[in-house]
Amino acid sequence: MNNYININLAFMNTNLSIQESAVLSYISSLAIKKNYCYASNEAICNALKLNDRTLYRILKKLEDKEYIKRETKSIGNYGKQRKIFISANARLVSSL
């Protein structure tokens, strides 16, 4: 059975590349319930068939363009917890 990902084409009207739009759309779809995305880089890479370095660069660009905000918190011996928040700018673009 194939898994299909719905890409929001509203992001295509911005200054984002196709890969950036795909990542932003995927993250915003995961952030619907809790208002943030907690998926790991590995999970996002597997879903979108991206290299981990490519995803790292895309997330950095999205943060620089203020479409997302990442918060990382240490959780002791268990590692780190990251939350990716979608900015109001991205929400406005996607609702057009």
PDB file of N, CA and C in Angstrom:
ATOM      1  N   MET A   1       0.841  -1.180   0.000  1.00  0.00           N
ATOM      2  CA  MET A   1       0.000   0.000   0.000  1.00  0.00           C
ATOM      3  C   MET A   1       0.884   1.241   0.000  1.00  0.00           C
ATOM      4  N   ASN A   2       0.595   2.173  -0.867  1.00  0.00           N
ATOM      5  CA  ASN A   2       1.386   3.389  -0.971  1.00  0.00           C
ATOM      6  C   ASN A   2       0.881   4.439   0.005  1.00  0.00           C
ATOM      7  N   ASN A   3       1.815   5.208   0.531  1.00  0.00           N
ATOM      8  CA  ASN A   3       1.467   6.343   1.391  1.00  0.00           C
ATOM      9  C   ASN A   3       1.584   7.610   0.561  1.00  0.00           C
ATOM     10  N   TYR A   4       0.544   8.418   0.580  1.00  0.00           N
ATOM     11  CA  TYR A   4       0.550   9.658  -0.166  1.00  0.00           C
ATOM     12  C   TYR A   4       0.512  10.824   0.803  1.00  0.00           C
ATOM     13  N   ILE A   5       1.232  11.868   0.451  1.00  0.00           N
ATOM     14  CA  ILE A   5       1.284  13.067   1.270  1.00  0.00           C
ATOM     15  C   ILE A   5       0.644  14.195   0.490  1.00  0.00           C
ATOM     16  N   ASN A   6      -0.289  14.879   1.121  1.00  0.00           N
ATOM     17  CA  ASN A   6      -0.970  15.999   0.494  1.00  0.00           C
ATOM     18  C   ASN A   6      -0.125  17.257   0.676  1.00  0.00           C
ATOM     19  N   ILE A   7       0.310  17.854  -0.419  1.00  0.00           N
ATOM     20  CA  ILE A   7       1.108  19.078  -0.370  1.00  0.00           C
ATOM     21  C   ILE A   7       0.181  20.270  -0.613  1.00  0.00           C
ATOM     22  N   ASN A   8       0.222  21.230   0.290  1.00  0.00           N
ATOM     23  CA  ASN A   8      -0.610  22.422   0.181  1.00  0.00           C
ATOM     24  C   ASN A   8      -0.011  23.348  -0.882  1.00  0.00           C
ATOM     25  N   LEU A   9      -0.709  23.533  -1.990  1.00  0.00           N
ATOM     26  CA  LEU A   9      -0.188  24.342  -3.086  1.00  0.00           C
ATOM     27  C   LEU A   9      -0.195  25.832  -2.793  1.00  0.00           C
ATOM     28  N   ALA A  10      -0.840  26.255  -1.718  1.00  0.00           N
ATOM     29  CA  ALA A  10      -0.836  27.679  -1.365  1.00  0.00           C
ATOM     30  C   ALA A  10       0.576  28.159  -1.065  1.00  0.00           C
ATOM     31  N   PHE A  11       1.436  27.269  -0.570  1.00  0.00           N
ATOM     32  CA  PHE A  11       2.813  27.663  -0.285  1.00  0.00           C
ATOM     33  C   PHE A  11       3.604  27.932  -1.570  1.00  0.00           C
ATOM     34  N   MET A  12       3.092  27.475  -2.692  1.00  0.00           N
ATOM     35  CA  MET A  12       3.801  27.665  -3.954  1.00  0.00           C
ATOM     36  C   MET A  12       3.746  29.115  -4.419  1.00  0.00           C
ATOM     37  N   ASN A  13       2.880  29.936  -3.845  1.00  0.00           N
ATOM     38  CA  ASN A  13       2.768  31.343  -4.223  1.00  0.00           C
ATOM     39  C   ASN A  13       3.772  32.227  -3.489  1.00  0.00           C
ATOM     40  N   THR A  14       4.699  31.639  -2.778  1.00  0.00           N
ATOM     41  CA  THR A  14       5.658  32.395  -1.985  1.00  0.00           C
ATOM     42  C   THR A  14       7.048  32.290  -2.588  1.00  0.00           C
ATOM     43  N   ASN A  15       8.023  32.762  -1.845  1.00  0.00           N
ATOM     44  CA  ASN A  15       9.408  32.722  -2.300  1.00  0.00           C
ATOM     45  C   ASN A  15      10.096  31.420  -1.884  1.00  0.00           C
ATOM     46  N   LEU A  16       9.341  30.340  -1.777  1.00  0.00           N
ATOM     47  CA  LEU A  16       9.892  29.060  -1.353  1.00  0.00           C
ATOM     48  C   LEU A  16      10.132  28.143  -2.547  1.00  0.00           C
ATOM     49  N   SER A  17      11.153  27.304  -2.432  1.00  0.00           N
ATOM     50  CA  SER A  17      11.390  26.280  -3.445  1.00  0.00           C
ATOM     51  C   SER A  17      10.348  25.177  -3.281  1.00  0.00           C
ATOM     52  N   ILE A  18      10.302  24.260  -4.212  1.00  0.00           N
ATOM     53  CA  ILE A  18       9.348  23.153  -4.133  1.00  0.00           C
ATOM     54  C   ILE A  18       9.624  22.296  -2.907  1.00  0.00           C
ATOM     55  N   GLN A  19      10.904  22.009  -2.632  1.00  0.00           N
ATOM     56  CA  GLN A  19      11.246  21.204  -1.457  1.00  0.00           C
ATOM     57  C   GLN A  19      10.881  21.934  -0.170  1.00  0.00           C
ATOM     58  N   GLU A  20      11.150  23.229  -0.102  1.00  0.00           N
ATOM     59  CA  GLU A  20      10.796  24.008   1.082  1.00  0.00           C
ATOM     60  C   GLU A  20       9.283  24.017   1.280  1.00  0.00           C
ATOM     61  N   SER A  21       8.538  24.162   0.193  1.00  0.00           N
ATOM     62  CA  SER A  21       7.077  24.136   0.276  1.00  0.00           C
ATOM     63  C   SER A  21       6.576  22.790   0.762  1.00  0.00           C
ATOM     64  N   ALA A  22       7.187  21.715   0.269  1.00  0.00           N
ATOM     65  CA  ALA A  22       6.781  20.369   0.674  1.00  0.00           C
ATOM     66  C   ALA A  22       7.039  20.152   2.162  1.00  0.00           C
ATOM     67  N   VAL A  23       8.211  20.563   2.640  1.00  0.00           N
ATOM     68  CA  VAL A  23       8.543  20.394   4.056  1.00  0.00           C
ATOM     69  C   VAL A  23       7.623  21.242   4.923  1.00  0.00           C
ATOM     70  N   LEU A  24       7.406  22.490   4.543  1.00  0.00           N
ATOM     71  CA  LEU A  24       6.532  23.370   5.317  1.00  0.00           C
ATOM     72  C   LEU A  24       5.105  22.830   5.348  1.00  0.00           C
ATOM     73  N   SER A  25       4.622  22.344   4.239  1.00  0.00           N
ATOM     74  CA  SER A  25       3.280  21.783   4.184  1.00  0.00           C
ATOM     75  C   SER A  25       3.171  20.539   5.060  1.00  0.00           C
ATOM     76  N   TYR A  26       4.176  19.683   5.011  1.00  0.00           N
ATOM     77  CA  TYR A  26       4.163  18.466   5.825  1.00  0.00           C
ATOM     78  C   TYR A  26       4.201  18.804   7.314  1.00  0.00           C
ATOM     79  N   ILE A  27       5.074  19.724   7.685  1.00  0.00           N
ATOM     80  CA  ILE A  27       5.178  20.125   9.090  1.00  0.00           C
ATOM     81  C   ILE A  27       3.866  20.750   9.567  1.00  0.00           C
ATOM     82  N   SER A  28       3.257  21.611   8.731  1.00  0.00           N
ATOM     83  CA  SER A  28       2.000  22.222   9.160  1.00  0.00           C
ATOM     84  C   SER A  28       0.881  21.198   9.264  1.00  0.00           C
ATOM     85  N   SER A  29       0.915  20.156   8.455  1.00  0.00           N
ATOM     86  CA  SER A  29      -0.117  19.117   8.588  1.00  0.00           C
ATOM     87  C   SER A  29       0.074  18.329   9.884  1.00  0.00           C
ATOM     88  N   LEU A  30       1.306  18.173  10.331  1.00  0.00           N
ATOM     89  CA  LEU A  30       1.572  17.477  11.587  1.00  0.00           C
ATOM     90  C   LEU A  30       1.303  18.358  12.806  1.00  0.00           C
ATOM     91  N   ALA A  31       1.252  19.666  12.589  1.00  0.00           N
ATOM     92  CA  ALA A  31       1.084  20.606  13.706  1.00  0.00           C
ATOM     93  C   ALA A  31      -0.371  20.987  13.942  1.00  0.00           C
ATOM     94  N   ILE A  32      -1.291  20.362  13.266  1.00  0.00           N
ATOM     95  CA  ILE A  32      -2.701  20.743  13.382  1.00  0.00           C
ATOM     96  C   ILE A  32      -3.240  20.502  14.786  1.00  0.00           C
ATOM     97  N   LYS A  33      -2.988  19.332  15.362  1.00  0.00           N
ATOM     98  CA  LYS A  33      -3.568  18.990  16.666  1.00  0.00           C
ATOM     99  C   LYS A  33      -2.985  19.794  17.820  1.00  0.00           C
ATOM    100  N   LYS A  34      -1.661  19.871  17.902  1.00  0.00           N
ATOM    101  CA  LYS A  34      -1.018  20.470  19.069  1.00  0.00           C
ATOM    102  C   LYS A  34      -0.431  21.850  18.800  1.00  0.00           C
ATOM    103  N   ASN A  35      -0.616  22.370  17.611  1.00  0.00           N
ATOM    104  CA  ASN A  35      -0.054  23.665  17.198  1.00  0.00           C
ATOM    105  C   ASN A  35       1.461  23.655  17.094  1.00  0.00           C
ATOM    106  N   TYR A  36       2.068  22.494  17.129  1.00  0.00           N
ATOM    107  CA  TYR A  36       3.490  22.352  16.850  1.00  0.00           C
ATOM    108  C   TYR A  36       3.741  20.948  16.320  1.00  0.00           C
ATOM    109  N   CYS A  37       4.852  20.800  15.632  1.00  0.00           N
ATOM    110  CA  CYS A  37       5.251  19.502  15.085  1.00  0.00           C
ATOM    111  C   CYS A  37       6.377  18.956  15.950  1.00  0.00           C
ATOM    112  N   TYR A  38       6.274  17.711  16.347  1.00  0.00           N
ATOM    113  CA  TYR A  38       7.309  17.101  17.164  1.00  0.00           C
ATOM    114  C   TYR A  38       7.999  15.940  16.445  1.00  0.00           C
ATOM    115  N   ALA A  39       7.760  15.793  15.156  1.00  0.00           N
ATOM    116  CA  ALA A  39       8.368  14.706  14.393  1.00  0.00           C
ATOM    117  C   ALA A  39       9.881  14.888  14.335  1.00  0.00           C
ATOM    118  N   SER A  40      10.580  13.779  14.370  1.00  0.00           N
ATOM    119  CA  SER A  40      12.043  13.814  14.290  1.00  0.00           C
ATOM    120  C   SER A  40      12.472  14.079  12.846  1.00  0.00           C
ATOM    121  N   ASN A  41      13.725  14.478  12.697  1.00  0.00           N
ATOM    122  CA  ASN A  41      14.269  14.665  11.353  1.00  0.00           C
ATOM    123  C   ASN A  41      14.188  13.371  10.557  1.00  0.00           C
ATOM    124  N   GLU A  42      14.454  12.254  11.219  1.00  0.00           N
ATOM    125  CA  GLU A  42      14.412  10.953  10.546  1.00  0.00           C
ATOM    126  C   GLU A  42      13.014  10.655  10.014  1.00  0.00           C
ATOM    127  N   ALA A  43      11.993  10.936  10.816  1.00  0.00           N
ATOM    128  CA  ALA A  43      10.617  10.685  10.383  1.00  0.00           C
ATOM    129  C   ALA A  43      10.245  11.573   9.194  1.00  0.00           C
ATOM    130  N   ILE A  44      10.637  12.835   9.239  1.00  0.00           N
ATOM    131  CA  ILE A  44      10.332  13.754   8.135  1.00  0.00           C
ATOM    132  C   ILE A  44      11.085  13.328   6.879  1.00  0.00           C
ATOM    133  N   CYS A  45      12.352  12.959   7.030  1.00  0.00           N
ATOM    134  CA  CYS A  45      13.151  12.501   5.884  1.00  0.00           C
ATOM    135  C   CYS A  45      12.545  11.262   5.246  1.00  0.00           C
ATOM    136  N   ASN A  46      12.127  10.318   6.066  1.00  0.00           N
ATOM    137  CA  ASN A  46      11.526   9.091   5.535  1.00  0.00           C
ATOM    138  C   ASN A  46      10.223   9.380   4.804  1.00  0.00           C
ATOM    139  N   ALA A  47       9.411  10.263   5.351  1.00  0.00           N
ATOM    140  CA  ALA A  47       8.114  10.571   4.742  1.00  0.00           C
ATOM    141  C   ALA A  47       8.278  11.298   3.411  1.00  0.00           C
ATOM    142  N   LEU A  48       9.246  12.217   3.344  1.00  0.00           N
ATOM    143  CA  LEU A  48       9.420  13.041   2.145  1.00  0.00           C
ATOM    144  C   LEU A  48      10.556  12.572   1.245  1.00  0.00           C
ATOM    145  N   LYS A  49      11.209  11.489   1.637  1.00  0.00           N
ATOM    146  CA  LYS A  49      12.329  10.923   0.853  1.00  0.00           C
ATOM    147  C   LYS A  49      13.442  11.948   0.637  1.00  0.00           C
ATOM    148  N   LEU A  50      13.858  12.567   1.747  1.00  0.00           N
ATOM    149  CA  LEU A  50      14.920  13.574   1.721  1.00  0.00           C
ATOM    150  C   LEU A  50      16.150  13.064   2.448  1.00  0.00           C
ATOM    151  N   ASN A  51      17.293  13.576   2.070  1.00  0.00           N
ATOM    152  CA  ASN A  51      18.542  13.340   2.782  1.00  0.00           C
ATOM    153  C   ASN A  51      18.505  14.169   4.064  1.00  0.00           C
ATOM    154  N   ASP A  52      19.121  13.678   5.130  1.00  0.00           N
ATOM    155  CA  ASP A  52      19.079  14.408   6.404  1.00  0.00           C
ATOM    156  C   ASP A  52      19.762  15.768   6.317  1.00  0.00           C
ATOM    157  N   ARG A  53      20.829  15.898   5.569  1.00  0.00           N
ATOM    158  CA  ARG A  53      21.494  17.189   5.410  1.00  0.00           C
ATOM    159  C   ARG A  53      20.616  18.166   4.625  1.00  0.00           C
ATOM    160  N   THR A  54      19.913  17.649   3.630  1.00  0.00           N
ATOM    161  CA  THR A  54      18.995  18.487   2.858  1.00  0.00           C
ATOM    162  C   THR A  54      17.889  19.023   3.759  1.00  0.00           C
ATOM    163  N   LEU A  55      17.326  18.157   4.593  1.00  0.00           N
ATOM    164  CA  LEU A  55      16.282  18.597   5.524  1.00  0.00           C
ATOM    165  C   LEU A  55      16.827  19.646   6.488  1.00  0.00           C
ATOM    166  N   TYR A  56      18.027  19.434   7.004  1.00  0.00           N
ATOM    167  CA  TYR A  56      18.630  20.401   7.922  1.00  0.00           C
ATOM    168  C   TYR A  56      18.723  21.781   7.254  1.00  0.00           C
ATOM    169  N   ARG A  57      19.175  21.817   5.995  1.00  0.00           N
ATOM    170  CA  ARG A  57      19.298  23.093   5.275  1.00  0.00           C
ATOM    171  C   ARG A  57      17.929  23.720   5.023  1.00  0.00           C
ATOM    172  N   ILE A  58      16.942  22.911   4.686  1.00  0.00           N
ATOM    173  CA  ILE A  58      15.596  23.428   4.437  1.00  0.00           C
ATOM    174  C   ILE A  58      15.005  24.018   5.715  1.00  0.00           C
ATOM    175  N   LEU A  59      15.146  23.311   6.838  1.00  0.00           N
ATOM    176  CA  LEU A  59      14.630  23.829   8.102  1.00  0.00           C
ATOM    177  C   LEU A  59      15.307  25.146   8.466  1.00  0.00           C
ATOM    178  N   LYS A  60      16.602  25.247   8.220  1.00  0.00           N
ATOM    179  CA  LYS A  60      17.338  26.481   8.496  1.00  0.00           C
ATOM    180  C   LYS A  60      16.803  27.624   7.634  1.00  0.00           C
ATOM    181  N   LYS A  61      16.566  27.350   6.342  1.00  0.00           N
ATOM    182  CA  LYS A  61      16.037  28.383   5.445  1.00  0.00           C
ATOM    183  C   LYS A  61      14.635  28.816   5.864  1.00  0.00           C
ATOM    184  N   LEU A  62      13.796  27.852   6.238  1.00  0.00           N
ATOM    185  CA  LEU A  62      12.439  28.185   6.672  1.00  0.00           C
ATOM    186  C   LEU A  62      12.456  29.023   7.945  1.00  0.00           C
ATOM    187  N   GLU A  63      13.405  28.723   8.821  1.00  0.00           N
ATOM    188  CA  GLU A  63      13.533  29.515  10.046  1.00  0.00           C
ATOM    189  C   GLU A  63      14.061  30.911   9.732  1.00  0.00           C
ATOM    190  N   ASP A  64      15.024  31.013   8.822  1.00  0.00           N
ATOM    191  CA  ASP A  64      15.565  32.320   8.428  1.00  0.00           C
ATOM    192  C   ASP A  64      14.497  33.193   7.773  1.00  0.00           C
ATOM    193  N   LYS A  65      13.599  32.564   7.009  1.00  0.00           N
ATOM    194  CA  LYS A  65      12.517  33.296   6.349  1.00  0.00           C
ATOM    195  C   LYS A  65      11.324  33.504   7.277  1.00  0.00           C
ATOM    196  N   GLU A  66      11.451  33.057   8.522  1.00  0.00           N
ATOM    197  CA  GLU A  66      10.448  33.233   9.578  1.00  0.00           C
ATOM    198  C   GLU A  66       9.123  32.535   9.277  1.00  0.00           C
ATOM    199  N   TYR A  67       9.184  31.380   8.610  1.00  0.00           N
ATOM    200  CA  TYR A  67       7.994  30.555   8.415  1.00  0.00           C
ATOM    201  C   TYR A  67       7.823  29.571   9.564  1.00  0.00           C
ATOM    202  N   ILE A  68       8.932  29.189  10.200  1.00  0.00           N
ATOM    203  CA  ILE A  68       8.866  28.280  11.340  1.00  0.00           C
ATOM    204  C   ILE A  68       9.750  28.810  12.467  1.00  0.00           C
ATOM    205  N   LYS A  69       9.508  28.272  13.664  1.00  0.00           N
ATOM    206  CA  LYS A  69      10.356  28.556  14.818  1.00  0.00           C
ATOM    207  C   LYS A  69      10.600  27.220  15.509  1.00  0.00           C
ATOM    208  N   ARG A  70      11.865  26.925  15.778  1.00  0.00           N
ATOM    209  CA  ARG A  70      12.204  25.670  16.440  1.00  0.00           C
ATOM    210  C   ARG A  70      12.619  25.945  17.874  1.00  0.00           C
ATOM    211  N   GLU A  71      12.109  25.118  18.783  1.00  0.00           N
ATOM    212  CA  GLU A  71      12.503  25.187  20.190  1.00  0.00           C
ATOM    213  C   GLU A  71      13.015  23.814  20.593  1.00  0.00           C
ATOM    214  N   THR A  72      14.198  23.796  21.176  1.00  0.00           N
ATOM    215  CA  THR A  72      14.795  22.548  21.627  1.00  0.00           C
ATOM    216  C   THR A  72      15.009  22.621  23.129  1.00  0.00           C
ATOM    217  N   LYS A  73      14.639  21.539  23.810  1.00  0.00           N
ATOM    218  CA  LYS A  73      14.750  21.491  25.265  1.00  0.00           C
ATOM    219  C   LYS A  73      15.422  20.184  25.654  1.00  0.00           C
ATOM    220  N   SER A  74      16.388  20.275  26.535  1.00  0.00           N
ATOM    221  CA  SER A  74      17.046  19.077  27.053  1.00  0.00           C
ATOM    222  C   SER A  74      16.106  18.370  28.021  1.00  0.00           C
ATOM    223  N   ILE A  75      16.025  17.055  27.897  1.00  0.00           N
ATOM    224  CA  ILE A  75      15.183  16.281  28.811  1.00  0.00           C
ATOM    225  C   ILE A  75      16.040  15.282  29.589  1.00  0.00           C
ATOM    226  N   GLY A  76      17.144  15.780  30.115  1.00  0.00           N
ATOM    227  CA  GLY A  76      18.030  14.975  30.957  1.00  0.00           C
ATOM    228  C   GLY A  76      18.777  13.916  30.182  1.00  0.00           C
ATOM    229  N   ASN A  77      18.813  12.726  30.742  1.00  0.00           N
ATOM    230  CA  ASN A  77      19.544  11.617  30.125  1.00  0.00           C
ATOM    231  C   ASN A  77      18.847  11.075  28.885  1.00  0.00           C
ATOM    232  N   TYR A  78      17.645  11.534  28.606  1.00  0.00           N
ATOM    233  CA  TYR A  78      16.866  11.016  27.488  1.00  0.00           C
ATOM    234  C   TYR A  78      17.113  11.770  26.193  1.00  0.00           C
ATOM    235  N   GLY A  79      17.956  12.775  26.204  1.00  0.00           N
ATOM    236  CA  GLY A  79      18.272  13.517  24.996  1.00  0.00           C
ATOM    237  C   GLY A  79      17.600  14.868  24.948  1.00  0.00           C
ATOM    238  N   LYS A  80      17.080  15.204  23.768  1.00  0.00           N
ATOM    239  CA  LYS A  80      16.469  16.509  23.552  1.00  0.00           C
ATOM    240  C   LYS A  80      15.082  16.340  22.955  1.00  0.00           C
ATOM    241  N   GLN A  81      14.246  17.343  23.207  1.00  0.00           N
ATOM    242  CA  GLN A  81      12.908  17.386  22.644  1.00  0.00           C
ATOM    243  C   GLN A  81      12.822  18.642  21.788  1.00  0.00           C
ATOM    244  N   ARG A  82      12.362  18.478  20.561  1.00  0.00           N
ATOM    245  CA  ARG A  82      12.250  19.621  19.664  1.00  0.00           C
ATOM    246  C   ARG A  82      10.799  19.823  19.272  1.00  0.00           C
ATOM    247  N   LYS A  83      10.402  21.090  19.219  1.00  0.00           N
ATOM    248  CA  LYS A  83       9.079  21.460  18.730  1.00  0.00           C
ATOM    249  C   LYS A  83       9.278  22.444  17.589  1.00  0.00           C
ATOM    250  N   ILE A  84       8.534  22.242  16.506  1.00  0.00           N
ATOM    251  CA  ILE A  84       8.576  23.162  15.375  1.00  0.00           C
ATOM    252  C   ILE A  84       7.217  23.850  15.306  1.00  0.00           C
ATOM    253  N   PHE A  85       7.223  25.157  15.487  1.00  0.00           N
ATOM    254  CA  PHE A  85       6.005  25.956  15.444  1.00  0.00           C
ATOM    255  C   PHE A  85       5.891  26.624  14.075  1.00  0.00           C
ATOM    256  N   ILE A  86       4.689  26.663  13.545  1.00  0.00           N
ATOM    257  CA  ILE A  86       4.433  27.343  12.276  1.00  0.00           C
ATOM    258  C   ILE A  86       4.085  28.797  12.596  1.00  0.00           C
ATOM    259  N   SER A  87       4.756  29.731  11.920  1.00  0.00           N
ATOM    260  CA  SER A  87       4.524  31.146  12.203  1.00  0.00           C
ATOM    261  C   SER A  87       3.193  31.620  11.616  1.00  0.00           C
ATOM    262  N   ALA A  88       2.742  32.748  12.085  1.00  0.00           N
ATOM    263  CA  ALA A  88       1.501  33.340  11.570  1.00  0.00           C
ATOM    264  C   ALA A  88       1.637  33.669  10.090  1.00  0.00           C
ATOM    265  N   ASN A  89       2.838  34.049   9.641  1.00  0.00           N
ATOM    266  CA  ASN A  89       3.064  34.348   8.228  1.00  0.00           C
ATOM    267  C   ASN A  89       2.747  33.141   7.353  1.00  0.00           C
ATOM    268  N   ALA A  90       3.181  31.985   7.771  1.00  0.00           N
ATOM    269  CA  ALA A  90       2.935  30.761   7.003  1.00  0.00           C
ATOM    270  C   ALA A  90       1.463  30.409   7.025  1.00  0.00           C
ATOM    271  N   ARG A  91       0.806  30.604   8.152  1.00  0.00           N
ATOM    272  CA  ARG A  91      -0.628  30.299   8.263  1.00  0.00           C
ATOM    273  C   ARG A  91      -1.443  31.206   7.344  1.00  0.00           C
ATOM    274  N   LEU A  92      -1.040  32.486   7.251  1.00  0.00           N
ATOM    275  CA  LEU A  92      -1.751  33.415   6.383  1.00  0.00           C
ATOM    276  C   LEU A  92      -1.596  33.006   4.919  1.00  0.00           C
ATOM    277  N   VAL A  93      -0.398  32.600   4.534  1.00  0.00           N
ATOM    278  CA  VAL A  93      -0.148  32.188   3.164  1.00  0.00           C
ATOM    279  C   VAL A  93      -0.957  30.943   2.832  1.00  0.00           C
ATOM    280  N   SER A  94      -1.017  29.976   3.748  1.00  0.00           N
ATOM    281  CA  SER A  94      -1.702  28.729   3.461  1.00  0.00           C
ATOM    282  C   SER A  94      -3.212  28.886   3.420  1.00  0.00           C
ATOM    283  N   SER A  95      -3.730  29.926   4.011  1.00  0.00           N
ATOM    284  CA  SER A  95      -5.183  30.092   4.026  1.00  0.00           C
ATOM    285  C   SER A  95      -5.693  30.852   2.798  1.00  0.00           C
ATOM    286  N   LEU A  96      -4.795  31.356   1.979  1.00  0.00           N
ATOM    287  CA  LEU A  96      -5.232  32.100   0.781  1.00  0.00           C
ATOM    288  C   LEU A  96      -5.835  31.190  -0.247  1.00  0.00           C
TER     289      LEU A  96
END
